[in-house]
Amino acid sequence: MESATLDFKTIEQKTCGVVERKEPKKAEAKKEKAAYRFVKRIFDITVSVIGLAVLGVPMLLVALIIRLDSPGPALFKQERLGKDGVPFVIYKFRTMRLDAPDNVATNDLQDAFRYVTRLGNFLRRTSIDELPQMINVLRGEMSIVGFRPVCLSEKKLNDYRMERGVFSVRPGMTGLAQVSGRDGIGAEKKVDFDVEYVEKQSVRLDLWCIYKTIGTVVSQKGVK
């Protein structure tokens, strides 16, 4: 009986030791995540403010050229799913004619090219059409790096993301899926990259995505 009691005490001490070691690790991980989110938000605000200040005049010129190129507003606004699956209005430079079907992904349109304006093709290939999203970043609706938000009509992709917890982070102007294939990969593969980003997100990964984005934009790889 004495031996059994000693064994029980030994097991209890070892178990308590494991629990005690795990608790500080969990607390430390929470602190690291909180610190990362803080740094990421400061980075987003800084980049968007500087970006809008530096590119403000060129963006106004682009807006003017869009108005001259085709009838309609310079900005395109569309509702998309953001963090926690909450809809928000995204801003882009308009690249399509006003008679283009509303709330339909470009890839789902038949003969989509006929709806693209003369300037629109250039704006899409250079990703200049994405620049107004710095307003979304500044407002806290998006981040510089995250998952790319899509039309509400892309239900399959949005459902995959919801099921796998992708909406736990803010959508981004660029992301891991963007630098790993852009428009050239399917919905399931995109979500795989999105989940990988959510699980591994860090300052280092964000900077790597930004670096790779520059090369992707210059090469125009994966653009449709």
Protein backbone atom coordinates (compact mmCIF):
# COMPACT_ATOMS: atom_id res chain seq x y z
CA MET A 1 0.00 0.00 0.00
CA GLU A 2 2.83 2.38 0.92
CA SER A 3 4.51 1.68 -2.45
CA ALA A 4 1.26 2.32 -4.30
CA THR A 5 0.80 5.60 -2.39
CA LEU A 6 4.32 6.69 -3.28
CA ASP A 7 3.77 5.79 -6.92
CA PHE A 8 0.55 7.78 -6.94
CA LYS A 9 2.31 10.81 -5.46
CA THR A 10 5.10 10.50 -7.99
CA ILE A 11 2.64 10.37 -10.89
CA GLU A 12 0.74 13.34 -9.45
CA GLN A 13 3.94 15.37 -9.13
CA LYS A 14 4.98 14.53 -12.69
CA THR A 15 1.52 15.38 -14.04
CA CYS A 16 1.45 18.70 -12.19
CA GLY A 17 4.88 19.45 -13.55
CA VAL A 18 3.67 18.91 -17.13
CA VAL A 19 0.62 21.14 -16.54
CA GLU A 20 2.78 23.84 -14.97
CA ARG A 21 5.14 23.76 -17.94
CA LYS A 22 2.25 23.91 -20.44
CA GLU A 23 0.53 26.91 -18.85
CA PRO A 24 3.48 29.32 -19.26
CA LYS A 25 3.85 28.17 -22.88
CA LYS A 26 0.20 28.93 -23.59
CA ALA A 27 0.48 32.33 -21.91
CA GLU A 28 3.64 33.06 -23.86
CA ALA A 29 1.98 32.05 -27.15
CA LYS A 30 -0.97 34.36 -26.42
CA LYS A 31 1.40 37.24 -25.72
CA GLU A 32 3.28 36.57 -28.95
CA LYS A 33 0.02 36.54 -30.95
CA ALA A 34 -1.16 39.76 -29.30
CA ALA A 35 2.20 41.41 -30.00
CA TYR A 36 2.10 40.24 -33.63
CA ARG A 37 -1.44 41.59 -34.13
CA PHE A 38 -0.39 44.94 -32.65
CA VAL A 39 2.73 45.19 -34.85
CA LYS A 40 0.73 44.10 -37.91
CA ARG A 41 -1.93 46.76 -37.35
CA ILE A 42 0.68 49.50 -36.83
CA PHE A 43 2.40 48.32 -40.02
CA ASP A 44 -0.92 48.38 -41.94
CA ILE A 45 -1.72 51.92 -40.79
CA THR A 46 1.79 53.18 -41.54
CA VAL A 47 1.95 51.65 -45.03
CA SER A 48 -1.57 52.77 -46.00
CA VAL A 49 -1.05 56.34 -44.76
CA ILE A 50 2.33 56.67 -46.52
CA GLY A 51 0.97 54.93 -49.62
CA LEU A 52 -2.04 57.22 -49.90
CA ALA A 53 0.13 60.30 -49.28
CA VAL A 54 2.77 59.35 -51.86
CA LEU A 55 0.42 57.88 -54.45
CA GLY A 56 -2.49 60.24 -53.86
CA VAL A 57 -1.81 62.48 -56.87
CA PRO A 58 -1.01 59.59 -59.28
CA MET A 59 -4.20 57.85 -58.11
CA LEU A 60 -6.23 60.98 -58.84
CA LEU A 61 -4.73 61.04 -62.33
CA VAL A 62 -5.66 57.37 -62.83
CA ALA A 63 -9.20 58.17 -61.66
CA LEU A 64 -9.41 61.03 -64.18
CA ILE A 65 -8.16 58.84 -67.05
CA ILE A 66 -10.72 56.14 -66.14
CA ARG A 67 -13.51 58.73 -66.33
CA LEU A 68 -12.26 59.89 -69.73
CA ASP A 69 -11.75 56.34 -71.01
CA SER A 70 -15.32 55.13 -70.43
CA PRO A 71 -18.61 56.33 -68.93
CA GLY A 72 -19.06 55.69 -65.23
CA PRO A 73 -17.39 56.30 -61.87
CA ALA A 74 -13.65 55.89 -61.33
CA LEU A 75 -14.10 53.66 -58.30
CA PHE A 76 -15.68 50.22 -58.26
CA LYS A 77 -17.39 49.25 -55.00
CA GLN A 78 -18.49 45.74 -54.12
CA GLU A 79 -19.52 43.88 -50.98
CA ARG A 80 -17.19 41.08 -49.92
CA LEU A 81 -16.70 38.91 -46.84
CA GLY A 82 -14.14 40.14 -44.31
CA LYS A 83 -12.93 39.11 -40.88
CA ASP A 84 -15.33 36.79 -39.03
CA GLY A 85 -17.39 36.55 -42.23
CA VAL A 86 -18.70 40.10 -41.82
CA PRO A 87 -19.41 41.82 -45.20
CA PHE A 88 -17.64 45.07 -46.06
CA VAL A 89 -17.42 47.28 -49.14
CA ILE A 90 -14.15 46.93 -51.04
CA TYR A 91 -12.73 49.73 -53.21
CA LYS A 92 -10.99 49.23 -56.56
CA PHE A 93 -10.41 51.28 -59.67
CA ARG A 94 -13.13 50.41 -62.17
CA THR A 95 -11.80 48.23 -64.98
CA MET A 96 -15.06 47.07 -66.57
CA ARG A 97 -17.94 48.71 -68.41
CA LEU A 98 -21.15 49.55 -66.59
CA ASP A 99 -23.07 46.86 -68.51
CA ALA A 100 -20.92 44.08 -67.01
CA PRO A 101 -22.95 41.60 -64.87
CA ASP A 102 -23.03 42.72 -61.25
CA ASN A 103 -21.51 40.69 -58.39
CA VAL A 104 -20.05 38.03 -60.68
CA ALA A 105 -16.39 36.99 -60.58
CA THR A 106 -14.48 37.83 -63.75
CA ASN A 107 -13.44 34.18 -64.13
CA ASP A 108 -17.13 33.16 -64.17
CA LEU A 109 -18.08 35.52 -67.00
CA GLN A 110 -18.39 34.25 -70.54
CA ASP A 111 -16.13 36.28 -72.81
CA ALA A 112 -15.20 38.55 -69.88
CA PHE A 113 -12.70 40.46 -71.99
CA ARG A 114 -15.48 42.22 -73.93
CA TYR A 115 -16.57 43.95 -70.70
CA VAL A 116 -13.07 45.18 -69.81
CA THR A 117 -12.37 48.81 -70.71
CA ARG A 118 -9.39 49.87 -72.81
CA LEU A 119 -7.54 51.04 -69.71
CA GLY A 120 -8.93 48.25 -67.54
CA ASN A 121 -6.72 45.50 -68.94
CA PHE A 122 -3.58 47.51 -68.12
CA LEU A 123 -4.83 48.33 -64.62
CA ARG A 124 -5.55 44.67 -63.91
CA ARG A 125 -2.25 43.36 -65.21
CA THR A 126 -0.25 45.88 -63.20
CA SER A 127 -2.53 45.54 -60.15
CA ILE A 128 -2.96 49.32 -60.09
CA ASP A 129 -6.69 48.69 -59.78
CA GLU A 130 -6.06 47.36 -56.26
CA LEU A 131 -4.48 50.57 -54.88
CA PRO A 132 -7.74 52.09 -53.52
CA GLN A 133 -7.86 49.17 -51.08
CA MET A 134 -5.36 51.10 -48.99
CA ILE A 135 -8.47 52.97 -47.82
CA ASN A 136 -9.91 49.63 -46.62
CA VAL A 137 -6.62 48.87 -44.86
CA LEU A 138 -6.60 52.24 -43.11
CA ARG A 139 -10.20 51.70 -41.99
CA GLY A 140 -9.28 48.33 -40.48
CA GLU A 141 -11.43 46.30 -42.88
CA MET A 142 -8.37 44.80 -44.60
CA SER A 143 -4.69 44.22 -44.02
CA ILE A 144 -1.73 44.50 -46.36
CA VAL A 145 -1.29 40.72 -46.14
CA GLY A 146 -4.10 38.22 -45.59
CA PHE A 147 -6.48 36.19 -47.75
CA ARG A 148 -7.87 37.81 -50.90
CA PRO A 149 -11.60 38.61 -50.44
CA VAL A 150 -13.86 37.48 -53.28
CA CYS A 151 -17.39 38.22 -54.52
CA LEU A 152 -20.28 36.97 -52.41
CA SER A 153 -21.33 34.93 -55.46
CA GLU A 154 -18.20 32.77 -55.09
CA LYS A 155 -20.06 30.72 -52.49
CA LYS A 156 -17.94 27.59 -52.88
CA LEU A 157 -14.72 29.41 -52.02
CA ASN A 158 -16.32 31.41 -49.21
CA ASP A 159 -17.87 28.25 -47.72
CA TYR A 160 -14.49 26.46 -47.78
CA ARG A 161 -12.92 29.40 -46.03
CA MET A 162 -15.65 29.52 -43.39
CA GLU A 163 -15.33 25.79 -42.69
CA ARG A 164 -11.56 25.98 -42.26
CA GLY A 165 -11.34 29.12 -40.15
CA VAL A 166 -9.81 31.45 -42.74
CA PHE A 167 -12.11 34.31 -41.71
CA SER A 168 -10.40 34.49 -38.31
CA VAL A 169 -8.01 37.02 -39.88
CA ARG A 170 -8.51 40.17 -41.96
CA PRO A 171 -8.50 39.87 -45.76
CA GLY A 172 -5.46 41.37 -47.47
CA MET A 173 -4.35 43.28 -50.53
CA THR A 174 -2.02 40.35 -51.14
CA GLY A 175 -1.55 36.94 -49.58
CA LEU A 176 0.15 33.57 -49.69
CA ALA A 177 -2.26 32.26 -52.35
CA GLN A 178 -1.61 35.37 -54.47
CA VAL A 179 2.13 34.76 -54.60
CA SER A 180 1.66 31.01 -55.08
CA GLY A 181 -0.44 31.03 -58.24
CA ARG A 182 -2.82 34.01 -58.14
CA ASP A 183 -5.73 33.32 -60.55
CA GLY A 184 -4.14 30.11 -61.81
CA ILE A 185 -5.13 27.88 -58.88
CA GLY A 186 -8.48 26.37 -57.90
CA ALA A 187 -10.69 27.15 -54.91
CA GLU A 188 -9.54 24.25 -52.73
CA LYS A 189 -5.86 24.99 -53.33
CA LYS A 190 -6.42 28.67 -52.55
CA VAL A 191 -8.02 27.72 -49.24
CA ASP A 192 -5.08 25.40 -48.47
CA PHE A 193 -2.73 28.39 -48.86
CA ASP A 194 -5.10 30.58 -46.83
CA VAL A 195 -5.14 28.07 -43.97
CA GLU A 196 -1.35 27.75 -44.12
CA TYR A 197 -1.09 31.52 -43.76
CA VAL A 198 -3.51 31.60 -40.80
CA GLU A 199 -1.55 28.87 -39.01
CA LYS A 200 1.93 30.26 -39.73
CA GLN A 201 1.29 34.01 -39.80
CA SER A 202 4.21 36.08 -38.58
CA VAL A 203 6.02 39.31 -39.39
CA ARG A 204 8.57 37.30 -41.34
CA LEU A 205 5.89 35.57 -43.45
CA ASP A 206 4.13 38.90 -44.10
CA LEU A 207 7.37 40.50 -45.32
CA TRP A 208 8.07 37.45 -47.51
CA CYS A 209 4.59 37.72 -49.09
CA ILE A 210 5.13 41.43 -49.79
CA TYR A 211 8.52 40.71 -51.34
CA LYS A 212 7.09 37.94 -53.54
CA THR A 213 4.13 40.16 -54.50
CA ILE A 214 6.48 42.67 -56.10
CA GLY A 215 7.93 39.95 -58.33
CA THR A 216 4.47 38.57 -59.13
CA VAL A 217 3.16 41.99 -60.16
CA VAL A 218 6.23 42.73 -62.29
CA SER A 219 6.09 39.35 -64.05
CA GLN A 220 2.24 39.47 -64.23
CA LYS A 221 2.33 35.75 -63.51
CA GLY A 222 -1.04 34.08 -62.92
CA VAL A 223 -3.14 37.09 -64.00
CA LYS A 224 -6.40 36.44 -65.85
